[in-house]
């Protein structure tokens, strides 16, 4: 595998990015930094009279539990939010530690700030921010795959991750007609791990 990824799509066609191995322990720490919500439970009395606690696993069970639908709905919303945060942090870590390149010139910083985006000042954060916010969707997915491959992640996991990232990128690119208008999740000055 080549250590250089060359962007194939505008606006960064030809941009060369050196792909580096990311320590899997770092990825694990970043993943674990997001606390996943606990699944709601309900208590049931058994035939012997003992009280047992069971998780609410599906809507069918939730319908049979007092306030179960509300509990499961709230849990699913928190779970989706936590998974989104986790995906964002892992992506940022992959870019922060696994990609090196020369930032392109031009007015992209001023344009982003004009649209209310916060561009990090430290170079390494700025590079991760740039990749997250300025690569074409296919280049973004391909770069993430190359970094994961360089890191030693198995093909099945890479394929699953590609689908997750494609979905997240579609969400990112569909935020407004002007593109990416949400504040970046790349920290301004803090460490990612």
N, C-alpha and C. Protein backbone atom coordinates (compact mmCIF):
# COMPACT_ATOMS: atom_id res chain seq x y z
N UNK A 1 0.84 -1.19 0.00
CA UNK A 1 0.00 0.00 0.00
C UNK A 1 0.88 1.24 0.00
N UNK A 2 0.53 2.19 -0.82
CA UNK A 2 1.26 3.44 -0.89
C UNK A 2 1.03 4.25 0.38
N UNK A 3 2.06 5.00 0.77
CA UNK A 3 1.93 5.87 1.94
C UNK A 3 1.32 7.22 1.57
N UNK A 4 1.04 7.42 0.29
CA UNK A 4 0.49 8.70 -0.17
C UNK A 4 -0.90 8.46 -0.76
N UNK A 5 -1.86 9.25 -0.29
CA UNK A 5 -3.19 9.24 -0.89
C UNK A 5 -3.32 10.52 -1.69
N UNK A 6 -3.75 10.41 -2.93
CA UNK A 6 -3.94 11.58 -3.78
C UNK A 6 -5.44 11.77 -4.00
N UNK A 7 -5.95 12.93 -3.58
CA UNK A 7 -7.38 13.22 -3.73
C UNK A 7 -7.76 13.18 -5.21
N UNK A 8 -8.90 12.58 -5.48
CA UNK A 8 -9.34 12.38 -6.86
C UNK A 8 -10.48 13.30 -7.27
N UNK A 9 -11.05 14.04 -6.32
CA UNK A 9 -12.25 14.82 -6.61
C UNK A 9 -12.04 16.30 -6.24
N UNK A 10 -12.73 17.16 -6.97
CA UNK A 10 -12.71 18.59 -6.64
C UNK A 10 -13.40 18.78 -5.31
N UNK A 11 -13.06 19.73 -4.51
CA UNK A 11 -12.20 20.87 -4.79
C UNK A 11 -10.72 20.63 -4.52
N UNK A 12 -10.33 19.41 -4.13
CA UNK A 12 -8.95 19.15 -3.74
C UNK A 12 -8.25 18.14 -4.63
N UNK A 13 -8.70 18.02 -5.86
CA UNK A 13 -8.12 17.05 -6.79
C UNK A 13 -6.60 17.27 -6.85
N UNK A 14 -5.86 16.19 -6.63
CA UNK A 14 -4.40 16.27 -6.69
C UNK A 14 -3.73 16.51 -5.34
N UNK A 15 -4.48 16.87 -4.31
CA UNK A 15 -3.89 17.09 -2.98
C UNK A 15 -3.28 15.78 -2.50
N UNK A 16 -2.01 15.83 -2.11
CA UNK A 16 -1.30 14.62 -1.66
C UNK A 16 -1.28 14.61 -0.14
N UNK A 17 -1.71 13.46 0.40
CA UNK A 17 -1.78 13.31 1.86
C UNK A 17 -0.97 12.09 2.24
N UNK A 18 0.01 12.29 3.11
CA UNK A 18 0.80 11.16 3.62
C UNK A 18 -0.04 10.43 4.66
N UNK A 19 -0.19 9.13 4.45
CA UNK A 19 -0.99 8.28 5.34
C UNK A 19 -0.05 7.62 6.33
N UNK A 20 -0.39 7.74 7.63
CA UNK A 20 0.44 7.18 8.69
C UNK A 20 -0.38 6.21 9.54
N UNK A 21 0.31 5.29 10.16
CA UNK A 21 -0.32 4.33 11.07
C UNK A 21 -0.75 5.07 12.34
N UNK A 22 -1.94 4.75 12.81
CA UNK A 22 -2.44 5.29 14.07
C UNK A 22 -2.41 4.16 15.10
N UNK A 23 -1.90 4.45 16.26
CA UNK A 23 -1.83 3.44 17.32
C UNK A 23 -3.24 2.97 17.66
N UNK A 24 -3.53 1.67 17.51
CA UNK A 24 -4.87 1.17 17.82
C UNK A 24 -5.32 1.48 19.25
N UNK A 25 -4.38 1.55 20.19
CA UNK A 25 -4.72 1.90 21.56
C UNK A 25 -5.29 3.32 21.64
N UNK A 26 -4.75 4.20 20.82
CA UNK A 26 -5.28 5.57 20.77
C UNK A 26 -6.72 5.56 20.29
N UNK A 27 -6.99 4.79 19.24
CA UNK A 27 -8.35 4.70 18.72
C UNK A 27 -9.28 4.12 19.79
N UNK A 28 -8.81 3.11 20.48
CA UNK A 28 -9.61 2.51 21.55
C UNK A 28 -9.90 3.53 22.66
N UNK A 29 -8.90 4.30 23.06
CA UNK A 29 -9.10 5.31 24.11
C UNK A 29 -10.10 6.37 23.66
N UNK A 30 -9.98 6.80 22.42
CA UNK A 30 -10.90 7.81 21.89
C UNK A 30 -12.32 7.24 21.86
N UNK A 31 -12.45 6.01 21.41
CA UNK A 31 -13.76 5.35 21.36
C UNK A 31 -14.37 5.26 22.75
N UNK A 32 -13.57 4.88 23.71
CA UNK A 32 -14.06 4.70 25.07
C UNK A 32 -14.29 6.02 25.80
N UNK A 33 -13.82 7.13 25.24
CA UNK A 33 -14.01 8.42 25.89
C UNK A 33 -15.47 8.90 25.84
N UNK A 34 -16.25 8.26 24.99
CA UNK A 34 -17.67 8.60 24.88
C UNK A 34 -18.47 7.58 25.68
N UNK A 35 -19.18 8.06 26.66
CA UNK A 35 -19.99 7.18 27.50
C UNK A 35 -21.30 6.86 26.78
N UNK A 36 -21.53 5.58 26.61
CA UNK A 36 -22.78 5.14 25.99
C UNK A 36 -23.87 5.08 27.05
N UNK A 37 -25.10 5.45 26.69
CA UNK A 37 -26.20 5.42 27.67
C UNK A 37 -26.54 3.98 28.06
N UNK A 38 -27.04 3.84 29.26
CA UNK A 38 -27.48 2.52 29.70
C UNK A 38 -28.89 2.26 29.18
N UNK A 39 -29.09 1.05 28.74
CA UNK A 39 -30.40 0.64 28.24
C UNK A 39 -31.40 0.68 29.39
N UNK A 40 -32.61 1.17 29.15
CA UNK A 40 -33.62 1.18 30.23
C UNK A 40 -34.04 -0.24 30.59
N UNK A 41 -34.48 -0.38 31.81
CA UNK A 41 -34.90 -1.70 32.29
C UNK A 41 -36.29 -1.62 32.90
N UNK A 42 -36.84 -2.79 33.15
CA UNK A 42 -38.10 -2.89 33.87
C UNK A 42 -37.98 -4.05 34.85
N UNK A 43 -38.80 -4.02 35.88
CA UNK A 43 -38.79 -5.09 36.88
C UNK A 43 -40.01 -5.97 36.68
N UNK A 44 -39.79 -7.26 36.83
CA UNK A 44 -40.88 -8.22 36.67
C UNK A 44 -40.81 -9.24 37.80
N UNK A 45 -41.97 -9.63 38.22
CA UNK A 45 -42.07 -10.64 39.28
C UNK A 45 -42.18 -12.02 38.62
N UNK A 46 -41.34 -12.94 39.08
CA UNK A 46 -41.36 -14.30 38.53
C UNK A 46 -42.45 -15.12 39.22
N UNK A 47 -42.65 -16.31 38.73
CA UNK A 47 -43.65 -17.22 39.30
C UNK A 47 -43.33 -17.52 40.77
N UNK A 48 -42.03 -17.54 41.09
CA UNK A 48 -41.62 -17.84 42.47
C UNK A 48 -41.72 -16.62 43.38
N UNK A 49 -42.04 -15.48 42.82
CA UNK A 49 -42.16 -14.26 43.61
C UNK A 49 -40.92 -13.39 43.62
N UNK A 50 -39.84 -13.86 43.02
CA UNK A 50 -38.61 -13.06 42.96
C UNK A 50 -38.79 -11.91 41.96
N UNK A 51 -38.12 -10.81 42.23
CA UNK A 51 -38.16 -9.65 41.34
C UNK A 51 -36.89 -9.68 40.48
N UNK A 52 -37.07 -9.65 39.19
CA UNK A 52 -35.95 -9.63 38.24
C UNK A 52 -35.99 -8.35 37.43
N UNK A 53 -34.80 -7.89 37.07
CA UNK A 53 -34.70 -6.70 36.23
C UNK A 53 -34.28 -7.14 34.82
N UNK A 54 -34.98 -6.61 33.81
CA UNK A 54 -34.73 -6.99 32.42
C UNK A 54 -34.59 -5.72 31.57
N UNK A 55 -33.72 -5.77 30.56
CA UNK A 55 -33.60 -4.61 29.67
C UNK A 55 -34.80 -4.52 28.72
N UNK A 56 -35.16 -3.30 28.38
CA UNK A 56 -36.19 -3.08 27.35
C UNK A 56 -35.45 -3.12 26.02
N UNK A 57 -35.63 -4.21 25.30
CA UNK A 57 -34.84 -4.43 24.09
C UNK A 57 -35.52 -3.96 22.80
N UNK A 58 -36.85 -3.89 22.81
CA UNK A 58 -37.54 -3.57 21.57
C UNK A 58 -38.88 -2.89 21.88
N UNK A 59 -39.51 -2.41 20.84
CA UNK A 59 -40.76 -1.68 20.99
C UNK A 59 -41.87 -2.59 21.52
N UNK A 60 -41.85 -3.85 21.14
CA UNK A 60 -42.87 -4.78 21.62
C UNK A 60 -42.82 -4.89 23.15
N UNK A 61 -41.62 -5.01 23.69
CA UNK A 61 -41.46 -5.06 25.15
C UNK A 61 -41.82 -3.72 25.76
N UNK A 62 -41.40 -2.63 25.13
CA UNK A 62 -41.66 -1.28 25.65
C UNK A 62 -43.15 -1.02 25.78
N UNK A 63 -43.94 -1.53 24.85
CA UNK A 63 -45.39 -1.33 24.89
C UNK A 63 -46.04 -2.00 26.09
N UNK A 64 -45.39 -3.00 26.66
CA UNK A 64 -45.94 -3.73 27.79
C UNK A 64 -45.46 -3.20 29.15
N UNK A 65 -44.59 -2.19 29.12
CA UNK A 65 -44.00 -1.64 30.35
C UNK A 65 -44.53 -0.22 30.56
N UNK A 66 -44.86 0.13 31.81
CA UNK A 66 -45.27 1.50 32.11
C UNK A 66 -44.19 2.48 31.65
N UNK A 67 -44.56 3.45 30.84
CA UNK A 67 -43.66 4.47 30.32
C UNK A 67 -42.54 3.88 29.45
N UNK A 68 -42.69 2.62 29.04
CA UNK A 68 -41.65 1.92 28.29
C UNK A 68 -41.33 2.55 26.94
N UNK A 69 -42.35 2.99 26.23
CA UNK A 69 -42.12 3.59 24.91
C UNK A 69 -41.30 4.87 25.06
N UNK A 70 -41.65 5.69 26.03
CA UNK A 70 -40.92 6.92 26.29
C UNK A 70 -39.47 6.61 26.68
N UNK A 71 -39.27 5.63 27.57
CA UNK A 71 -37.92 5.25 28.00
C UNK A 71 -37.08 4.75 26.83
N UNK A 72 -37.65 3.89 26.00
CA UNK A 72 -36.90 3.33 24.87
C UNK A 72 -36.60 4.40 23.82
N UNK A 73 -37.57 5.27 23.56
CA UNK A 73 -37.36 6.35 22.60
C UNK A 73 -36.24 7.28 23.06
N UNK A 74 -36.30 7.66 24.32
CA UNK A 74 -35.27 8.55 24.89
C UNK A 74 -33.90 7.86 24.85
N UNK A 75 -33.84 6.58 25.17
CA UNK A 75 -32.60 5.82 25.13
C UNK A 75 -32.04 5.80 23.69
N UNK A 76 -32.89 5.50 22.72
CA UNK A 76 -32.44 5.44 21.33
C UNK A 76 -31.90 6.78 20.84
N UNK A 77 -32.51 7.88 21.26
CA UNK A 77 -32.02 9.21 20.90
C UNK A 77 -30.64 9.46 21.50
N UNK A 78 -30.49 9.13 22.79
CA UNK A 78 -29.18 9.32 23.45
C UNK A 78 -28.12 8.41 22.85
N UNK A 79 -28.51 7.18 22.50
CA UNK A 79 -27.57 6.24 21.88
C UNK A 79 -27.10 6.76 20.53
N UNK A 80 -28.03 7.24 19.72
CA UNK A 80 -27.67 7.77 18.40
C UNK A 80 -26.74 8.98 18.54
N UNK A 81 -27.01 9.84 19.49
CA UNK A 81 -26.16 11.00 19.73
C UNK A 81 -24.76 10.58 20.18
N UNK A 82 -24.69 9.60 21.08
CA UNK A 82 -23.39 9.12 21.57
C UNK A 82 -22.61 8.45 20.44
N UNK A 83 -23.27 7.67 19.61
CA UNK A 83 -22.60 7.01 18.49
C UNK A 83 -22.08 8.04 17.49
N UNK A 84 -22.86 9.08 17.25
CA UNK A 84 -22.43 10.15 16.35
C UNK A 84 -21.19 10.85 16.90
N UNK A 85 -21.22 11.15 18.19
CA UNK A 85 -20.06 11.79 18.84
C UNK A 85 -18.84 10.87 18.76
N UNK A 86 -19.05 9.59 19.01
CA UNK A 86 -17.95 8.63 18.97
C UNK A 86 -17.35 8.56 17.55
N UNK A 87 -18.20 8.47 16.53
CA UNK A 87 -17.72 8.45 15.14
C UNK A 87 -16.93 9.70 14.81
N UNK A 88 -17.43 10.84 15.25
CA UNK A 88 -16.75 12.11 14.99
C UNK A 88 -15.37 12.13 15.66
N UNK A 89 -15.30 11.69 16.89
CA UNK A 89 -14.02 11.69 17.61
C UNK A 89 -13.03 10.72 16.98
N UNK A 90 -13.48 9.56 16.57
CA UNK A 90 -12.59 8.59 15.93
C UNK A 90 -12.09 9.15 14.60
N UNK A 91 -12.97 9.74 13.83
CA UNK A 91 -12.57 10.36 12.56
C UNK A 91 -11.53 11.44 12.80
N UNK A 92 -11.78 12.31 13.78
CA UNK A 92 -10.82 13.36 14.10
C UNK A 92 -9.47 12.78 14.51
N UNK A 93 -9.49 11.71 15.30
CA UNK A 93 -8.23 11.07 15.73
C UNK A 93 -7.50 10.47 14.53
N UNK A 94 -8.24 9.84 13.62
CA UNK A 94 -7.61 9.28 12.43
C UNK A 94 -6.94 10.39 11.60
N UNK A 95 -7.62 11.49 11.43
CA UNK A 95 -7.04 12.61 10.67
C UNK A 95 -5.88 13.25 11.42
N UNK A 96 -6.04 13.43 12.73
CA UNK A 96 -5.04 14.10 13.54
C UNK A 96 -3.73 13.31 13.54
N UNK A 97 -3.82 12.01 13.74
CA UNK A 97 -2.63 11.18 13.87
C UNK A 97 -2.23 10.47 12.58
N UNK A 98 -3.16 10.28 11.65
CA UNK A 98 -2.89 9.43 10.50
C UNK A 98 -2.76 10.12 9.16
N UNK A 99 -2.81 11.45 9.13
CA UNK A 99 -2.73 12.16 7.84
C UNK A 99 -1.84 13.39 7.98
N UNK A 100 -0.94 13.55 7.04
CA UNK A 100 -0.09 14.76 7.04
C UNK A 100 -0.03 15.29 5.61
N UNK A 101 -0.14 16.59 5.49
CA UNK A 101 -0.16 17.23 4.17
C UNK A 101 0.09 18.72 4.34
N UNK A 102 0.38 19.36 3.23
CA UNK A 102 0.52 20.82 3.22
C UNK A 102 -0.86 21.42 3.01
N UNK A 103 -1.25 22.31 3.91
CA UNK A 103 -2.55 22.98 3.75
C UNK A 103 -2.55 23.79 2.47
N UNK A 104 -3.61 23.70 1.69
CA UNK A 104 -3.68 24.51 0.48
C UNK A 104 -3.87 25.99 0.82
N UNK A 105 -3.42 26.81 -0.07
CA UNK A 105 -3.62 28.25 0.11
C UNK A 105 -5.05 28.62 -0.25
N UNK A 106 -5.26 29.87 -0.50
CA UNK A 106 -6.59 30.33 -0.88
C UNK A 106 -7.32 30.95 0.29
N UNK A 107 -8.58 31.24 0.06
CA UNK A 107 -9.39 31.97 1.04
C UNK A 107 -10.27 31.08 1.90
N UNK A 108 -10.00 29.78 1.95
CA UNK A 108 -10.90 28.87 2.65
C UNK A 108 -11.08 29.23 4.12
N UNK A 109 -10.02 29.70 4.79
CA UNK A 109 -10.16 30.06 6.21
C UNK A 109 -11.11 31.23 6.39
N UNK A 110 -10.92 32.28 5.59
CA UNK A 110 -11.79 33.45 5.71
C UNK A 110 -13.23 33.09 5.36
N UNK A 111 -13.39 32.26 4.34
CA UNK A 111 -14.74 31.85 3.93
C UNK A 111 -15.42 31.06 5.05
N UNK A 112 -14.70 30.12 5.65
CA UNK A 112 -15.29 29.35 6.75
C UNK A 112 -15.69 30.25 7.91
N UNK A 113 -14.81 31.17 8.27
CA UNK A 113 -15.12 32.09 9.37
C UNK A 113 -16.30 32.99 9.03
N UNK A 114 -16.41 33.39 7.77
CA UNK A 114 -17.54 34.20 7.33
C UNK A 114 -18.86 33.45 7.57
N UNK A 115 -18.82 32.12 7.36
CA UNK A 115 -20.03 31.31 7.54
C UNK A 115 -20.20 30.82 8.97
N UNK A 116 -19.41 31.36 9.88
CA UNK A 116 -19.59 31.05 11.30
C UNK A 116 -18.85 29.83 11.79
N UNK A 117 -17.98 29.26 10.98
CA UNK A 117 -17.21 28.10 11.42
C UNK A 117 -15.97 28.57 12.16
N UNK A 118 -15.58 27.80 13.15
CA UNK A 118 -14.39 28.14 13.93
C UNK A 118 -13.22 27.33 13.40
N UNK A 119 -12.25 28.01 12.82
CA UNK A 119 -11.07 27.34 12.27
C UNK A 119 -10.00 27.31 13.36
N UNK A 120 -9.53 26.12 13.73
CA UNK A 120 -8.50 26.03 14.76
C UNK A 120 -7.23 26.77 14.34
N UNK A 121 -6.48 27.26 15.31
CA UNK A 121 -5.27 28.01 15.01
C UNK A 121 -4.02 27.13 14.96
N UNK A 122 -3.96 26.11 15.83
CA UNK A 122 -2.78 25.23 15.81
C UNK A 122 -2.81 24.39 14.54
N UNK A 123 -1.64 24.25 13.92
CA UNK A 123 -1.54 23.63 12.60
C UNK A 123 -2.11 22.22 12.55
N UNK A 124 -1.79 21.37 13.51
CA UNK A 124 -2.26 19.98 13.47
C UNK A 124 -3.78 19.92 13.57
N UNK A 125 -4.38 20.76 14.42
CA UNK A 125 -5.83 20.82 14.53
C UNK A 125 -6.44 21.38 13.24
N UNK A 126 -5.78 22.36 12.67
CA UNK A 126 -6.27 22.99 11.45
C UNK A 126 -6.29 21.98 10.30
N UNK A 127 -5.26 21.12 10.24
CA UNK A 127 -5.22 20.11 9.18
C UNK A 127 -6.37 19.11 9.33
N UNK A 128 -6.60 18.64 10.56
CA UNK A 128 -7.71 17.70 10.79
C UNK A 128 -9.03 18.38 10.46
N UNK A 129 -9.18 19.63 10.85
CA UNK A 129 -10.39 20.40 10.54
C UNK A 129 -10.57 20.49 9.02
N UNK A 130 -9.49 20.81 8.31
CA UNK A 130 -9.57 20.95 6.85
C UNK A 130 -10.05 19.66 6.20
N UNK A 131 -9.47 18.53 6.62
CA UNK A 131 -9.87 17.26 6.03
C UNK A 131 -11.35 16.99 6.30
N UNK A 132 -11.80 17.23 7.53
CA UNK A 132 -13.19 16.98 7.90
C UNK A 132 -14.17 17.85 7.14
N UNK A 133 -13.76 19.06 6.80
CA UNK A 133 -14.69 20.04 6.26
C UNK A 133 -14.51 20.37 4.78
N UNK A 134 -13.42 19.94 4.17
CA UNK A 134 -13.17 20.38 2.80
C UNK A 134 -12.89 19.28 1.78
N UNK A 135 -12.78 18.04 2.21
CA UNK A 135 -12.59 16.98 1.22
C UNK A 135 -13.93 16.56 0.64
N UNK A 136 -13.91 16.16 -0.61
CA UNK A 136 -15.10 15.58 -1.23
C UNK A 136 -15.43 14.29 -0.48
N UNK A 137 -16.70 13.93 -0.46
CA UNK A 137 -17.16 12.77 0.31
C UNK A 137 -16.38 11.50 -0.03
N UNK A 138 -16.18 11.21 -1.30
CA UNK A 138 -15.47 9.98 -1.68
C UNK A 138 -14.01 10.02 -1.24
N UNK A 139 -13.37 11.18 -1.35
CA UNK A 139 -11.99 11.30 -0.88
C UNK A 139 -11.92 11.10 0.63
N UNK A 140 -12.89 11.62 1.33
CA UNK A 140 -12.93 11.49 2.78
C UNK A 140 -13.04 10.02 3.18
N UNK A 141 -13.97 9.30 2.59
CA UNK A 141 -14.14 7.88 2.88
C UNK A 141 -12.90 7.10 2.48
N UNK A 142 -12.34 7.38 1.31
CA UNK A 142 -11.15 6.66 0.84
C UNK A 142 -9.95 6.92 1.74
N UNK A 143 -9.78 8.15 2.19
CA UNK A 143 -8.67 8.49 3.07
C UNK A 143 -8.81 7.77 4.41
N UNK A 144 -10.00 7.79 4.98
CA UNK A 144 -10.23 7.09 6.24
C UNK A 144 -9.92 5.60 6.07
N UNK A 145 -10.34 5.02 4.98
CA UNK A 145 -10.07 3.60 4.71
C UNK A 145 -8.57 3.33 4.62
N UNK A 146 -7.84 4.21 3.94
CA UNK A 146 -6.39 4.04 3.80
C UNK A 146 -5.69 4.15 5.15
N UNK A 147 -6.11 5.08 5.98
CA UNK A 147 -5.51 5.22 7.31
C UNK A 147 -5.80 3.96 8.14
N UNK A 148 -7.03 3.48 8.08
CA UNK A 148 -7.39 2.29 8.84
C UNK A 148 -6.61 1.07 8.34
N UNK A 149 -6.45 0.98 7.02
CA UNK A 149 -5.68 -0.12 6.44
C UNK A 149 -4.23 -0.05 6.91
N UNK A 150 -3.65 1.14 6.89
CA UNK A 150 -2.26 1.34 7.33
C UNK A 150 -2.12 1.00 8.81
N UNK A 151 -3.17 1.22 9.57
CA UNK A 151 -3.17 0.96 11.01
C UNK A 151 -3.28 -0.54 11.30
N UNK A 152 -3.71 -1.32 10.32
CA UNK A 152 -3.81 -2.76 10.50
C UNK A 152 -5.22 -3.25 10.80
N UNK A 153 -6.19 -2.42 10.54
CA UNK A 153 -7.58 -2.80 10.77
C UNK A 153 -8.01 -3.78 9.67
N UNK A 154 -8.76 -4.80 10.03
CA UNK A 154 -9.22 -5.81 9.08
C UNK A 154 -10.17 -5.27 8.04
N UNK A 155 -10.23 -5.96 6.89
CA UNK A 155 -11.06 -5.51 5.77
C UNK A 155 -12.54 -5.42 6.11
N UNK A 156 -13.06 -6.39 6.87
CA UNK A 156 -14.48 -6.36 7.24
C UNK A 156 -14.81 -5.12 8.07
N UNK A 157 -13.94 -4.80 9.00
CA UNK A 157 -14.17 -3.62 9.85
C UNK A 157 -14.06 -2.35 9.01
N UNK A 158 -13.11 -2.33 8.07
CA UNK A 158 -12.97 -1.17 7.19
C UNK A 158 -14.24 -0.98 6.37
N UNK A 159 -14.79 -2.07 5.82
CA UNK A 159 -16.03 -1.96 5.03
C UNK A 159 -17.18 -1.43 5.89
N UNK A 160 -17.30 -1.94 7.12
CA UNK A 160 -18.35 -1.45 8.02
C UNK A 160 -18.14 0.03 8.32
N UNK A 161 -16.89 0.40 8.56
CA UNK A 161 -16.59 1.81 8.86
C UNK A 161 -16.89 2.70 7.66
N UNK A 162 -16.58 2.21 6.46
CA UNK A 162 -16.88 3.00 5.25
C UNK A 162 -18.36 3.32 5.17
N UNK A 163 -19.21 2.34 5.47
CA UNK A 163 -20.65 2.58 5.44
C UNK A 163 -21.07 3.59 6.50
N UNK A 164 -20.49 3.47 7.68
CA UNK A 164 -20.78 4.42 8.76
C UNK A 164 -20.35 5.82 8.34
N UNK A 165 -19.12 5.94 7.79
CA UNK A 165 -18.62 7.25 7.40
C UNK A 165 -19.41 7.82 6.22
N UNK A 166 -19.79 6.96 5.27
CA UNK A 166 -20.60 7.45 4.15
C UNK A 166 -21.91 8.06 4.68
N UNK A 167 -22.52 7.37 5.62
CA UNK A 167 -23.76 7.86 6.21
C UNK A 167 -23.53 9.19 6.93
N UNK A 168 -22.46 9.26 7.71
CA UNK A 168 -22.15 10.50 8.45
C UNK A 168 -21.83 11.63 7.48
N UNK A 169 -21.15 11.31 6.39
CA UNK A 169 -20.80 12.33 5.40
C UNK A 169 -22.05 12.85 4.70
N UNK A 170 -22.98 11.95 4.42
CA UNK A 170 -24.23 12.39 3.81
C UNK A 170 -24.95 13.34 4.75
N UNK A 171 -24.93 13.04 6.05
CA UNK A 171 -25.53 13.94 7.04
C UNK A 171 -24.79 15.28 7.02
N UNK A 172 -23.46 15.22 6.98
CA UNK A 172 -22.64 16.43 6.99
C UNK A 172 -22.93 17.29 5.77
N UNK A 173 -22.93 16.67 4.60
CA UNK A 173 -23.09 17.42 3.36
C UNK A 173 -24.51 17.89 3.14
N UNK A 174 -25.48 17.33 3.84
CA UNK A 174 -26.86 17.72 3.65
C UNK A 174 -27.34 18.76 4.64
N UNK A 175 -26.44 19.37 5.40
CA UNK A 175 -26.85 20.28 6.47
C UNK A 175 -27.48 21.56 5.95
N UNK A 176 -27.01 22.06 4.82
CA UNK A 176 -27.60 23.27 4.25
C UNK A 176 -27.19 23.37 2.80
N UNK A 177 -27.82 24.27 2.09
CA UNK A 177 -27.46 24.45 0.69
C UNK A 177 -26.05 24.99 0.55
N UNK A 178 -25.56 25.70 1.56
CA UNK A 178 -24.22 26.26 1.51
C UNK A 178 -23.16 25.25 1.94
N UNK A 179 -23.56 24.08 2.42
CA UNK A 179 -22.57 23.09 2.83
C UNK A 179 -22.49 22.96 4.33
N UNK A 180 -21.29 22.91 4.82
CA UNK A 180 -21.03 22.58 6.21
C UNK A 180 -21.16 23.81 7.10
N UNK A 181 -22.29 23.94 7.78
CA UNK A 181 -22.50 25.13 8.59
C UNK A 181 -22.48 24.86 10.08
N UNK A 182 -22.31 23.61 10.47
CA UNK A 182 -22.21 23.32 11.90
C UNK A 182 -20.79 23.59 12.38
N UNK A 183 -20.66 23.94 13.65
CA UNK A 183 -19.35 24.14 14.23
C UNK A 183 -18.60 22.82 14.21
N UNK A 184 -17.33 22.86 13.86
CA UNK A 184 -16.51 21.67 13.81
C UNK A 184 -16.35 21.06 15.19
N UNK A 185 -16.20 19.73 15.21
CA UNK A 185 -15.95 19.07 16.49
C UNK A 185 -14.46 18.92 16.75
N UNK A 186 -13.61 19.45 15.87
CA UNK A 186 -12.18 19.43 16.12
C UNK A 186 -11.91 20.43 17.23
N UNK A 187 -11.27 20.02 18.31
CA UNK A 187 -11.00 20.97 19.38
C UNK A 187 -10.05 22.05 18.93
N UNK A 188 -10.18 23.21 19.49
CA UNK A 188 -9.30 24.31 19.11
C UNK A 188 -7.87 24.09 19.61
N UNK A 189 -7.71 23.79 20.86
CA UNK A 189 -6.36 23.72 21.41
C UNK A 189 -6.13 22.47 22.24
N UNK A 190 -7.12 21.61 22.41
CA UNK A 190 -7.00 20.48 23.31
C UNK A 190 -6.52 19.24 22.60
N UNK A 191 -5.96 18.33 23.37
CA UNK A 191 -5.51 17.03 22.85
C UNK A 191 -6.74 16.18 22.50
N UNK A 192 -6.60 15.30 21.51
CA UNK A 192 -7.71 14.44 21.12
C UNK A 192 -7.78 13.17 21.95
N UNK A 193 -6.70 12.74 22.53
CA UNK A 193 -6.70 11.45 23.24
C UNK A 193 -6.97 11.63 24.72
